[in-house]
C-alpha cells in the first residue's frame, strides 16, 4: 500500500508513518520544506499549491496537517490561523484528488471531537448534532472543506480524534507535569467528562479506516470508556505514584490561558462513544484509563 501523509512530522503523523513502514508499506510525506526523503511531496497550503504528480499512484491520503489549537492564546489572528490552516489545506488536498484521473481510493481527513461542543453529561455518537462554540465551528468548516473529494466519489473519512495520550507530546505531558511536582489534581471541579485515546490506538484506528472500504463519513476515534477529569487526575496520580488531591482553580487557569481557550479545552465536557469503530469490529488495545496510562507511561515516575 502506498500512503501519502500531510502533517507527517507531527505526533500522530510520525507514529502512523513509522507503523506503516514497519508493516512494509510505502509512505510519502507531504512537506512544506525541502526534504532528503526521495518520496516526499511538496506543498504550500497558504499559496494553494501542491505537487499533484507526487500523489500519482497513491492508494490513500491521510490528511493530518493543521495549526496547534492549544499551544497559544487565542487572539483574533491566532483564531484565523487555526481555522485557515485546516480549511485551506483540506480544500487543497480534496480539490487536487478530485481533479486527478486516478485519485487515491480514500481520503482520511483528520477531524476532532470538538465537533460536538459541550454536551455536558450526554453521551454523543457520530449521529449527534454539532456544538455551537468556536471549536465546534472550526471542526464543521474543516470537514466541509473536504467536499470536493466527497463530490468526486472518493471515499472520505473524518476521524474525529479525541485528545491523544502519548509519552512524548500531546495533552498527557502537560497534565502530568504538576503531578511530577507533587501538585497534581483535577481542573476546577473535575466533573467534566474527558474523552481520550492512546497514540497506539489512534494509529491503529487510522490504519483500520484506510483499509476498511465500507466506512466513510465521521468516525469517533476515542476510547469507549471516557472518564471525568477527576477520574483522569486520580489515574495519572496512580500511574506516577503521586497525590492527585490538589485541584487547579478554574479562575487561575482562565487567567493564564484565556477564558475561551480554558473553557474550550479544559472545562468542556465531552462523553464520546465510538459507535462506528465498535460496530465495525475495531478492538481498542487500551480501552480503560489505567491500562492506557500504564502502557503509555511505563515505569515512569
C-alpha atoms as a PDB file:
ATOM      1  CA  UNK A   1       0.000   0.000   0.000  1.00  0.00           C
ATOM      2  CA  UNK A   2       1.202   3.490  -0.896  1.00  0.00           C
ATOM      3  CA  UNK A   3       0.096   6.204   1.556  1.00  0.00           C
ATOM      4  CA  UNK A   4       0.647   9.982   1.442  1.00  0.00           C
ATOM      5  CA  UNK A   5       0.530  11.791   4.804  1.00  0.00           C
ATOM      6  CA  UNK A   6       0.250  15.516   5.481  1.00  0.00           C
ATOM      7  CA  UNK A   7       1.364  16.515   8.949  1.00  0.00           C
ATOM      8  CA  UNK A   8       3.778  13.594   8.715  1.00  0.00           C
ATOM      9  CA  UNK A   9       6.216  15.135  11.207  1.00  0.00           C
ATOM     10  CA  UNK A  10       3.595  15.681  13.908  1.00  0.00           C
ATOM     11  CA  UNK A  11       2.811  13.413  16.845  1.00  0.00           C
ATOM     12  CA  UNK A  12       0.262  11.237  15.053  1.00  0.00           C
ATOM     13  CA  UNK A  13       1.832  11.520  11.603  1.00  0.00           C
ATOM     14  CA  UNK A  14       5.228  10.342  12.832  1.00  0.00           C
ATOM     15  CA  UNK A  15       3.719   7.349  14.614  1.00  0.00           C
ATOM     16  CA  UNK A  16       1.456   6.473  11.683  1.00  0.00           C
ATOM     17  CA  UNK A  17       4.293   6.713   9.160  1.00  0.00           C
ATOM     18  CA  UNK A  18       6.501   4.510  11.316  1.00  0.00           C
ATOM     19  CA  UNK A  19       3.756   1.937  11.758  1.00  0.00           C
ATOM     20  CA  UNK A  20       3.064   1.769   8.025  1.00  0.00           C
ATOM     21  CA  UNK A  21       6.733   1.467   7.125  1.00  0.00           C
ATOM     22  CA  UNK A  22       7.260  -1.307   9.680  1.00  0.00           C
ATOM     23  CA  UNK A  23       4.416  -3.204   8.010  1.00  0.00           C
ATOM     24  CA  UNK A  24       6.136  -2.886   4.614  1.00  0.00           C
ATOM     25  CA  UNK A  25       4.016  -0.080   3.175  1.00  0.00           C
ATOM     26  CA  UNK A  26       5.292   2.942   1.234  1.00  0.00           C
ATOM     27  CA  UNK A  27       4.886   6.340   2.901  1.00  0.00           C
ATOM     28  CA  UNK A  28       5.027   9.662   1.041  1.00  0.00           C
ATOM     29  CA  UNK A  29       5.294  12.570   3.492  1.00  0.00           C
ATOM     30  CA  UNK A  30       3.672  15.745   2.194  1.00  0.00           C
ATOM     31  CA  UNK A  31       6.023  18.540   3.301  1.00  0.00           C
ATOM     32  CA  UNK A  32       6.355  22.308   3.133  1.00  0.00           C
ATOM     33  CA  UNK A  33      10.165  22.392   3.009  1.00  0.00           C
ATOM     34  CA  UNK A  34      12.798  20.544   1.018  1.00  0.00           C
ATOM     35  CA  UNK A  35      13.338  17.009   2.293  1.00  0.00           C
ATOM     36  CA  UNK A  36      16.007  14.345   1.923  1.00  0.00           C
ATOM     37  CA  UNK A  37      13.231  11.782   1.534  1.00  0.00           C
ATOM     38  CA  UNK A  38      13.006  10.949  -2.194  1.00  0.00           C
ATOM     39  CA  UNK A  39       9.313  10.118  -1.729  1.00  0.00           C
ATOM     40  CA  UNK A  40       8.433  13.480  -0.187  1.00  0.00           C
ATOM     41  CA  UNK A  41       5.699  15.526  -1.886  1.00  0.00           C
ATOM     42  CA  UNK A  42       5.989  19.333  -1.704  1.00  0.00           C
ATOM     43  CA  UNK A  43       3.040  21.569  -0.938  1.00  0.00           C
ATOM     44  CA  UNK A  44       2.282  25.074   0.255  1.00  0.00           C
ATOM     45  CA  UNK A  45      -1.252  25.274   1.638  1.00  0.00           C
ATOM     46  CA  UNK A  46      -1.092  29.050   2.141  1.00  0.00           C
ATOM     47  CA  UNK A  47      -0.218  29.546  -1.527  1.00  0.00           C
ATOM     48  CA  UNK A  48      -2.647  26.838  -2.662  1.00  0.00           C
ATOM     49  CA  UNK A  49      -0.008  24.705  -4.380  1.00  0.00           C
ATOM     50  CA  UNK A  50       0.808  21.018  -4.231  1.00  0.00           C
ATOM     51  CA  UNK A  51       2.837  18.636  -6.400  1.00  0.00           C
ATOM     52  CA  UNK A  52      -0.082  16.643  -7.737  1.00  0.00           C
ATOM     53  CA  UNK A  53       2.309  14.394  -9.646  1.00  0.00           C
ATOM     54  CA  UNK A  54       3.748  13.255  -6.341  1.00  0.00           C
ATOM     55  CA  UNK A  55       0.337  11.818  -5.484  1.00  0.00           C
ATOM     56  CA  UNK A  56       0.116   9.684  -8.623  1.00  0.00           C
ATOM     57  CA  UNK A  57      -0.327   6.059  -7.714  1.00  0.00           C
ATOM     58  CA  UNK A  58      -1.070   6.535  -4.029  1.00  0.00           C
ATOM     59  CA  UNK A  59      -3.709   4.259  -2.542  1.00  0.00           C
ATOM     60  CA  UNK A  60      -4.641   6.543   0.338  1.00  0.00           C
ATOM     61  CA  UNK A  61      -4.100  10.083   1.580  1.00  0.00           C
ATOM     62  CA  UNK A  62      -4.126  10.766   5.314  1.00  0.00           C
ATOM     63  CA  UNK A  63      -4.517  14.479   5.939  1.00  0.00           C
ATOM     64  CA  UNK A  64      -3.377  15.471   9.454  1.00  0.00           C
ATOM     65  CA  UNK A  65      -1.907  18.959   8.984  1.00  0.00           C
ATOM     66  CA  UNK A  66      -3.208  21.923  10.980  1.00  0.00           C
ATOM     67  CA  UNK A  67      -2.003  24.566  13.448  1.00  0.00           C
ATOM     68  CA  UNK A  68      -1.984  23.510  17.105  1.00  0.00           C
ATOM     69  CA  UNK A  69      -5.197  24.562  18.801  1.00  0.00           C
ATOM     70  CA  UNK A  70      -3.982  24.708  22.388  1.00  0.00           C
ATOM     71  CA  UNK A  71      -0.404  25.940  22.269  1.00  0.00           C
ATOM     72  CA  UNK A  72      -1.001  29.732  22.151  1.00  0.00           C
ATOM     73  CA  UNK A  73      -3.520  32.290  23.410  1.00  0.00           C
ATOM     74  CA  UNK A  74      -6.471  32.796  21.097  1.00  0.00           C
ATOM     75  CA  UNK A  75      -6.023  36.247  19.648  1.00  0.00           C
ATOM     76  CA  UNK A  76      -8.137  37.138  16.634  1.00  0.00           C
ATOM     77  CA  UNK A  77      -5.139  36.416  14.392  1.00  0.00           C
ATOM     78  CA  UNK A  78      -4.487  33.057  16.045  1.00  0.00           C
ATOM     79  CA  UNK A  79      -8.131  32.026  15.674  1.00  0.00           C
ATOM     80  CA  UNK A  80      -7.976  32.853  11.982  1.00  0.00           C
ATOM     81  CA  UNK A  81      -4.750  30.844  11.643  1.00  0.00           C
ATOM     82  CA  UNK A  82      -6.311  27.836  13.395  1.00  0.00           C
ATOM     83  CA  UNK A  83      -9.261  27.935  11.005  1.00  0.00           C
ATOM     84  CA  UNK A  84      -7.417  28.631   7.770  1.00  0.00           C
ATOM     85  CA  UNK A  85      -4.628  26.120   8.408  1.00  0.00           C
ATOM     86  CA  UNK A  86      -7.337  23.464   8.407  1.00  0.00           C
ATOM     87  CA  UNK A  87      -9.747  24.633   5.750  1.00  0.00           C
ATOM     88  CA  UNK A  88      -7.165  25.750   3.163  1.00  0.00           C
ATOM     89  CA  UNK A  89      -5.086  22.581   3.445  1.00  0.00           C
ATOM     90  CA  UNK A  90      -8.118  20.314   3.373  1.00  0.00           C
ATOM     91  CA  UNK A  91      -9.634  22.108   0.396  1.00  0.00           C
ATOM     92  CA  UNK A  92      -6.331  21.927  -1.475  1.00  0.00           C
ATOM     93  CA  UNK A  93      -5.938  18.187  -0.880  1.00  0.00           C
ATOM     94  CA  UNK A  94      -9.578  17.465  -1.710  1.00  0.00           C
ATOM     95  CA  UNK A  95      -9.607  19.547  -4.924  1.00  0.00           C
ATOM     96  CA  UNK A  96      -6.295  18.066  -6.059  1.00  0.00           C
ATOM     97  CA  UNK A  97      -7.531  14.500  -5.604  1.00  0.00           C
ATOM     98  CA  UNK A  98     -10.866  15.312  -7.233  1.00  0.00           C
ATOM     99  CA  UNK A  99      -9.088  16.606 -10.357  1.00  0.00           C
ATOM    100  CA  UNK A 100      -6.882  13.537 -10.798  1.00  0.00           C
ATOM    101  CA  UNK A 101      -7.700  10.917 -13.429  1.00  0.00           C
ATOM    102  CA  UNK A 102      -6.917   8.097 -10.978  1.00  0.00           C
ATOM    103  CA  UNK A 103      -7.037   9.530  -7.463  1.00  0.00           C
ATOM    104  CA  UNK A 104      -6.395   7.702  -4.220  1.00  0.00           C
ATOM    105  CA  UNK A 105      -9.199   5.377  -3.232  1.00  0.00           C
ATOM    106  CA  UNK A 106      -9.615   7.005   0.159  1.00  0.00           C
ATOM    107  CA  UNK A 107      -9.021  10.347   1.840  1.00  0.00           C
ATOM    108  CA  UNK A 108      -8.757  10.082   5.624  1.00  0.00           C
ATOM    109  CA  UNK A 109      -9.121  13.727   6.636  1.00  0.00           C
ATOM    110  CA  UNK A 110      -8.482  14.421  10.307  1.00  0.00           C
ATOM    111  CA  UNK A 111     -11.179  15.977  12.434  1.00  0.00           C
ATOM    112  CA  UNK A 112     -11.828  16.244  16.166  1.00  0.00           C
ATOM    113  CA  UNK A 113     -14.413  15.518  18.836  1.00  0.00           C
ATOM    114  CA  UNK A 114     -14.582  19.272  19.303  1.00  0.00           C
ATOM    115  CA  UNK A 115     -17.328  18.948  16.657  1.00  0.00           C
ATOM    116  CA  UNK A 116     -19.795  18.199  19.490  1.00  0.00           C
ATOM    117  CA  UNK A 117     -19.119  21.331  21.539  1.00  0.00           C
ATOM    118  CA  UNK A 118     -20.025  20.884  25.207  1.00  0.00           C
ATOM    119  CA  UNK A 119     -22.911  18.403  25.572  1.00  0.00           C
ATOM    120  CA  UNK A 120     -22.357  18.040  29.338  1.00  0.00           C
ATOM    121  CA  UNK A 121     -23.111  14.560  30.672  1.00  0.00           C
ATOM    122  CA  UNK A 122     -24.827  13.420  27.462  1.00  0.00           C
ATOM    123  CA  UNK A 123     -23.240  10.516  25.585  1.00  0.00           C
ATOM    124  CA  UNK A 124     -22.565  11.575  21.987  1.00  0.00           C
ATOM    125  CA  UNK A 125     -22.051   9.422  18.897  1.00  0.00           C
ATOM    126  CA  UNK A 126     -21.368  10.099  15.234  1.00  0.00           C
ATOM    127  CA  UNK A 127     -25.102  10.814  14.844  1.00  0.00           C
ATOM    128  CA  UNK A 128     -25.122  13.594  17.458  1.00  0.00           C
ATOM    129  CA  UNK A 129     -25.530  17.217  16.323  1.00  0.00           C
ATOM    130  CA  UNK A 130     -22.654  19.721  16.273  1.00  0.00           C
ATOM    131  CA  UNK A 131     -21.968  22.186  19.036  1.00  0.00           C
ATOM    132  CA  UNK A 132     -22.086  25.953  18.665  1.00  0.00           C
ATOM    133  CA  UNK A 133     -18.801  27.167  20.182  1.00  0.00           C
ATOM    134  CA  UNK A 134     -15.611  28.307  18.444  1.00  0.00           C
ATOM    135  CA  UNK A 135     -14.010  24.867  18.275  1.00  0.00           C
ATOM    136  CA  UNK A 136     -17.192  23.215  17.004  1.00  0.00           C
ATOM    137  CA  UNK A 137     -17.398  25.810  14.254  1.00  0.00           C
ATOM    138  CA  UNK A 138     -13.777  25.169  13.290  1.00  0.00           C
ATOM    139  CA  UNK A 139     -14.362  21.421  13.030  1.00  0.00           C
ATOM    140  CA  UNK A 140     -17.517  21.817  10.956  1.00  0.00           C
ATOM    141  CA  UNK A 141     -15.693  24.075   8.483  1.00  0.00           C
ATOM    142  CA  UNK A 142     -12.739  21.665   8.482  1.00  0.00           C
ATOM    143  CA  UNK A 143     -14.901  18.718   7.469  1.00  0.00           C
ATOM    144  CA  UNK A 144     -16.871  20.762   4.949  1.00  0.00           C
ATOM    145  CA  UNK A 145     -13.637  21.722   3.178  1.00  0.00           C
ATOM    146  CA  UNK A 146     -13.254  18.102   2.005  1.00  0.00           C
ATOM    147  CA  UNK A 147     -16.480  18.328  -0.023  1.00  0.00           C
ATOM    148  CA  UNK A 148     -14.707  18.316  -3.423  1.00  0.00           C
ATOM    149  CA  UNK A 149     -13.378  14.824  -2.690  1.00  0.00           C
ATOM    150  CA  UNK A 150     -16.777  13.623  -1.500  1.00  0.00           C
ATOM    151  CA  UNK A 151     -18.446  15.047  -4.620  1.00  0.00           C
ATOM    152  CA  UNK A 152     -15.864  13.285  -6.811  1.00  0.00           C
ATOM    153  CA  UNK A 153     -16.873   9.943  -5.334  1.00  0.00           C
ATOM    154  CA  UNK A 154     -13.684   9.443  -3.315  1.00  0.00           C
ATOM    155  CA  UNK A 155     -14.331   7.550  -0.102  1.00  0.00           C
ATOM    156  CA  UNK A 156     -13.768  10.224   2.528  1.00  0.00           C
ATOM    157  CA  UNK A 157     -13.464   9.503   6.236  1.00  0.00           C
ATOM    158  CA  UNK A 158     -13.375  12.052   9.038  1.00  0.00           C
ATOM    159  CA  UNK A 159     -11.680  10.534  12.101  1.00  0.00           C
ATOM    160  CA  UNK A 160     -12.918  12.742  14.942  1.00  0.00           C
ATOM    161  CA  UNK A 161      -9.917  12.361  17.204  1.00  0.00           C
ATOM    162  CA  UNK A 162     -10.087  12.668  20.966  1.00  0.00           C
ATOM    163  CA  UNK A 163      -7.089  14.118  22.832  1.00  0.00           C
ATOM    164  CA  UNK A 164      -4.237  11.687  22.304  1.00  0.00           C
ATOM    165  CA  UNK A 165      -2.319  10.199  25.224  1.00  0.00           C
ATOM    166  CA  UNK A 166       1.357   9.774  24.343  1.00  0.00           C
ATOM    167  CA  UNK A 167       4.572   9.524  26.310  1.00  0.00           C
ATOM    168  CA  UNK A 168       6.066  12.435  24.400  1.00  0.00           C
ATOM    169  CA  UNK A 169       3.903  15.342  23.288  1.00  0.00           C
ATOM    170  CA  UNK A 170       0.157  15.720  23.387  1.00  0.00           C
ATOM    171  CA  UNK A 171      -2.062  16.514  26.351  1.00  0.00           C
ATOM    172  CA  UNK A 172      -0.612  13.945  28.760  1.00  0.00           C
ATOM    173  CA  UNK A 173       2.782  15.627  29.056  1.00  0.00           C
ATOM    174  CA  UNK A 174       1.145  18.907  30.073  1.00  0.00           C
ATOM    175  CA  UNK A 175      -1.231  17.210  32.503  1.00  0.00           C
ATOM    176  CA  UNK A 176       1.434  15.023  34.096  1.00  0.00           C
ATOM    177  CA  UNK A 177       3.931  17.790  34.873  1.00  0.00           C
ATOM    178  CA  UNK A 178       2.166  19.093  38.014  1.00  0.00           C
ATOM    179  CA  UNK A 179       1.889  15.529  39.314  1.00  0.00           C
ATOM    180  CA  UNK A 180       5.637  15.045  38.958  1.00  0.00           C
ATOM    181  CA  UNK A 181       5.992  18.150  41.143  1.00  0.00           C
ATOM    182  CA  UNK A 182       3.528  16.736  43.722  1.00  0.00           C
ATOM    183  CA  UNK A 183       0.991  19.421  42.779  1.00  0.00           C
ATOM    184  CA  UNK A 184      -1.411  17.463  40.565  1.00  0.00           C
ATOM    185  CA  UNK A 185      -5.164  17.335  40.626  1.00  0.00           C
ATOM    186  CA  UNK A 186      -8.297  17.941  38.546  1.00  0.00           C
ATOM    187  CA  UNK A 187      -9.133  21.062  36.586  1.00  0.00           C
ATOM    188  CA  UNK A 188     -11.685  23.000  38.566  1.00  0.00           C
ATOM    189  CA  UNK A 189     -14.455  20.749  39.902  1.00  0.00           C
ATOM    190  CA  UNK A 190     -13.228  17.776  37.853  1.00  0.00           C
ATOM    191  CA  UNK A 191     -16.808  16.822  36.995  1.00  0.00           C
ATOM    192  CA  UNK A 192     -16.393  17.469  33.256  1.00  0.00           C
ATOM    193  CA  UNK A 193     -16.135  14.381  31.055  1.00  0.00           C
ATOM    194  CA  UNK A 194     -12.907  13.698  29.181  1.00  0.00           C
ATOM    195  CA  UNK A 195     -12.724  11.518  26.116  1.00  0.00           C
ATOM    196  CA  UNK A 196      -9.269  10.310  25.154  1.00  0.00           C
ATOM    197  CA  UNK A 197      -7.384   7.758  23.060  1.00  0.00           C
ATOM    198  CA  UNK A 198      -3.850   6.363  23.253  1.00  0.00           C
ATOM    199  CA  UNK A 199      -1.453   7.120  20.421  1.00  0.00           C
ATOM    200  CA  UNK A 200      -1.221   3.399  19.620  1.00  0.00           C
ATOM    201  CA  UNK A 201      -4.990   3.114  19.310  1.00  0.00           C
ATOM    202  CA  UNK A 202      -5.233   6.309  17.264  1.00  0.00           C
ATOM    203  CA  UNK A 203      -2.696   4.941  14.780  1.00  0.00           C
ATOM    204  CA  UNK A 204      -4.389   1.541  14.678  1.00  0.00           C
ATOM    205  CA  UNK A 205      -7.751   3.218  14.058  1.00  0.00           C
ATOM    206  CA  UNK A 206      -6.373   5.308  11.191  1.00  0.00           C
ATOM    207  CA  UNK A 207      -4.924   2.210   9.565  1.00  0.00           C
ATOM    208  CA  UNK A 208      -8.250   0.432  10.086  1.00  0.00           C
ATOM    209  CA  UNK A 209     -10.085   3.303   8.357  1.00  0.00           C
ATOM    210  CA  UNK A 210      -7.669   3.231   5.424  1.00  0.00           C
ATOM    211  CA  UNK A 211      -8.207  -0.482   4.904  1.00  0.00           C
ATOM    212  CA  UNK A 212     -11.957  -0.801   5.511  1.00  0.00           C
ATOM    213  CA  UNK A 213     -13.582   0.250   2.251  1.00  0.00           C
ATOM    214  CA  UNK A 214     -17.062   0.093   3.796  1.00  0.00           C
ATOM    215  CA  UNK A 215     -16.528   3.029   6.182  1.00  0.00           C
ATOM    216  CA  UNK A 216     -16.923   6.692   5.276  1.00  0.00           C
ATOM    217  CA  UNK A 217     -18.015   9.909   6.918  1.00  0.00           C
ATOM    218  CA  UNK A 218     -17.424  10.809  10.568  1.00  0.00           C
ATOM    219  CA  UNK A 219     -15.814   8.251  12.873  1.00  0.00           C
ATOM    220  CA  UNK A 220     -15.165   8.923  16.551  1.00  0.00           C
ATOM    221  CA  UNK A 221     -11.617   7.888  17.447  1.00  0.00           C
ATOM    222  CA  UNK A 222     -11.950   7.824  21.225  1.00  0.00           C
ATOM    223  CA  UNK A 223     -11.741   5.158  23.891  1.00  0.00           C
ATOM    224  CA  UNK A 224     -15.103   3.519  24.630  1.00  0.00           C
ATOM    225  CA  UNK A 225     -14.500   4.338  28.322  1.00  0.00           C
ATOM    226  CA  UNK A 226     -14.356   8.123  28.818  1.00  0.00           C
ATOM    227  CA  UNK A 227     -13.673   9.381  32.341  1.00  0.00           C
ATOM    228  CA  UNK A 228     -14.351  12.507  34.326  1.00  0.00           C
ATOM    229  CA  UNK A 229     -11.485  14.921  34.763  1.00  0.00           C
ATOM    230  CA  UNK A 230     -11.328  13.904  38.424  1.00  0.00           C
ATOM    231  CA  UNK A 231     -11.025  10.241  37.410  1.00  0.00           C
ATOM    232  CA  UNK A 232      -8.302  11.157  34.922  1.00  0.00           C
ATOM    233  CA  UNK A 233      -6.377  13.035  37.605  1.00  0.00           C
ATOM    234  CA  UNK A 234      -6.652  10.114  40.007  1.00  0.00           C
ATOM    235  CA  UNK A 235      -5.462   7.705  37.310  1.00  0.00           C
ATOM    236  CA  UNK A 236      -2.434   9.880  36.482  1.00  0.00           C
ATOM    237  CA  UNK A 237      -1.638  10.045  40.195  1.00  0.00           C
ATOM    238  CA  UNK A 238      -1.771   6.259  40.446  1.00  0.00           C
ATOM    239  CA  UNK A 239       0.399   5.818  37.355  1.00  0.00           C
ATOM    240  CA  UNK A 240       3.047   8.234  38.651  1.00  0.00           C
ATOM    241  CA  UNK A 241       2.704   7.305  42.340  1.00  0.00           C
ATOM    242  CA  UNK A 242       1.799  10.872  43.210  1.00  0.00           C
ATOM    243  CA  UNK A 243      -1.100  12.504  45.061  1.00  0.00           C
ATOM    244  CA  UNK A 244      -3.959  13.889  42.993  1.00  0.00           C
ATOM    245  CA  UNK A 245      -5.846  15.966  45.536  1.00  0.00           C
ATOM    246  CA  UNK A 246      -4.758  19.484  44.612  1.00  0.00           C
ATOM    247  CA  UNK A 247      -7.239  20.938  42.114  1.00  0.00           C
ATOM    248  CA  UNK A 248      -6.193  23.697  39.727  1.00  0.00           C
ATOM    249  CA  UNK A 249      -8.656  26.572  40.334  1.00  0.00           C
ATOM    250  CA  UNK A 250     -10.783  27.412  37.335  1.00  0.00           C
ATOM    251  CA  UNK A 251     -10.218  31.152  37.714  1.00  0.00           C
ATOM    252  CA  UNK A 252      -6.434  30.701  37.686  1.00  0.00           C
ATOM    253  CA  UNK A 253      -6.472  28.534  34.558  1.00  0.00           C
ATOM    254  CA  UNK A 254      -8.737  31.027  32.790  1.00  0.00           C
ATOM    255  CA  UNK A 255      -6.402  33.847  33.782  1.00  0.00           C
ATOM    256  CA  UNK A 256      -3.325  32.035  32.450  1.00  0.00           C
ATOM    257  CA  UNK A 257      -4.808  30.550  29.275  1.00  0.00           C
ATOM    258  CA  UNK A 258      -7.555  32.994  28.468  1.00  0.00           C
ATOM    259  CA  UNK A 259     -11.188  32.227  29.230  1.00  0.00           C
ATOM    260  CA  UNK A 260     -12.118  30.942  25.775  1.00  0.00           C
ATOM    261  CA  UNK A 261      -9.175  28.580  25.460  1.00  0.00           C
ATOM    262  CA  UNK A 262      -9.542  27.268  29.025  1.00  0.00           C
ATOM    263  CA  UNK A 263     -13.292  26.707  28.702  1.00  0.00           C
ATOM    264  CA  UNK A 264     -12.972  25.022  25.297  1.00  0.00           C
ATOM    265  CA  UNK A 265     -10.005  22.793  26.138  1.00  0.00           C
ATOM    266  CA  UNK A 266     -10.011  22.173  29.903  1.00  0.00           C
ATOM    267  CA  UNK A 267     -13.557  22.627  31.146  1.00  0.00           C
ATOM    268  CA  UNK A 268     -15.507  21.351  28.143  1.00  0.00           C
ATOM    269  CA  UNK A 269     -17.408  18.151  28.937  1.00  0.00           C
ATOM    270  CA  UNK A 270     -17.349  15.521  26.168  1.00  0.00           C
ATOM    271  CA  UNK A 271     -18.541  11.962  26.721  1.00  0.00           C
ATOM    272  CA  UNK A 272     -17.929  10.449  23.302  1.00  0.00           C
ATOM    273  CA  UNK A 273     -18.749   6.901  22.215  1.00  0.00           C
ATOM    274  CA  UNK A 274     -17.017   5.368  19.148  1.00  0.00           C
ATOM    275  CA  UNK A 275     -20.057   3.603  17.698  1.00  0.00           C
ATOM    276  CA  UNK A 276     -18.753   3.292  14.123  1.00  0.00           C
ATOM    277  CA  UNK A 277     -15.440   1.723  15.120  1.00  0.00           C
ATOM    278  CA  UNK A 278     -17.040  -0.645  17.615  1.00  0.00           C
ATOM    279  CA  UNK A 279     -19.751  -1.597  15.137  1.00  0.00           C
ATOM    280  CA  UNK A 280     -17.088  -2.404  12.542  1.00  0.00           C
ATOM    281  CA  UNK A 281     -15.256  -4.695  14.953  1.00  0.00           C
ATOM    282  CA  UNK A 282     -12.297  -2.472  15.822  1.00  0.00           C
ATOM    283  CA  UNK A 283     -10.642  -3.616  19.058  1.00  0.00           C
ATOM    284  CA  UNK A 284      -9.034  -0.977  21.273  1.00  0.00           C
ATOM    285  CA  UNK A 285      -5.758  -2.190  22.767  1.00  0.00           C
ATOM    286  CA  UNK A 286      -6.146   0.230  25.682  1.00  0.00           C
ATOM    287  CA  UNK A 287      -9.836   0.887  26.364  1.00  0.00           C
ATOM    288  CA  UNK A 288      -9.530   1.738  30.098  1.00  0.00           C
ATOM    289  CA  UNK A 289      -7.600   4.658  31.527  1.00  0.00           C
ATOM    290  CA  UNK A 290      -5.413   2.744  33.994  1.00  0.00           C
ATOM    291  CA  UNK A 291      -4.250   0.308  31.321  1.00  0.00           C
ATOM    292  CA  UNK A 292      -3.742   3.170  28.882  1.00  0.00           C
ATOM    293  CA  UNK A 293      -1.564   5.139  31.278  1.00  0.00           C
ATOM    294  CA  UNK A 294       0.408   2.053  32.273  1.00  0.00           C
ATOM    295  CA  UNK A 295       1.136   1.343  28.606  1.00  0.00           C
ATOM    296  CA  UNK A 296       1.918   4.963  27.814  1.00  0.00           C
ATOM    297  CA  UNK A 297       3.988   5.945  30.845  1.00  0.00           C
ATOM    298  CA  UNK A 298       5.528   2.526  31.518  1.00  0.00           C
ATOM    299  CA  UNK A 299       7.607   2.594  34.680  1.00  0.00           C
ATOM    300  CA  UNK A 300       7.841   6.392  34.625  1.00  0.00           C
ATOM    301  CA  UNK A 301       7.584   8.167  37.949  1.00  0.00           C
END
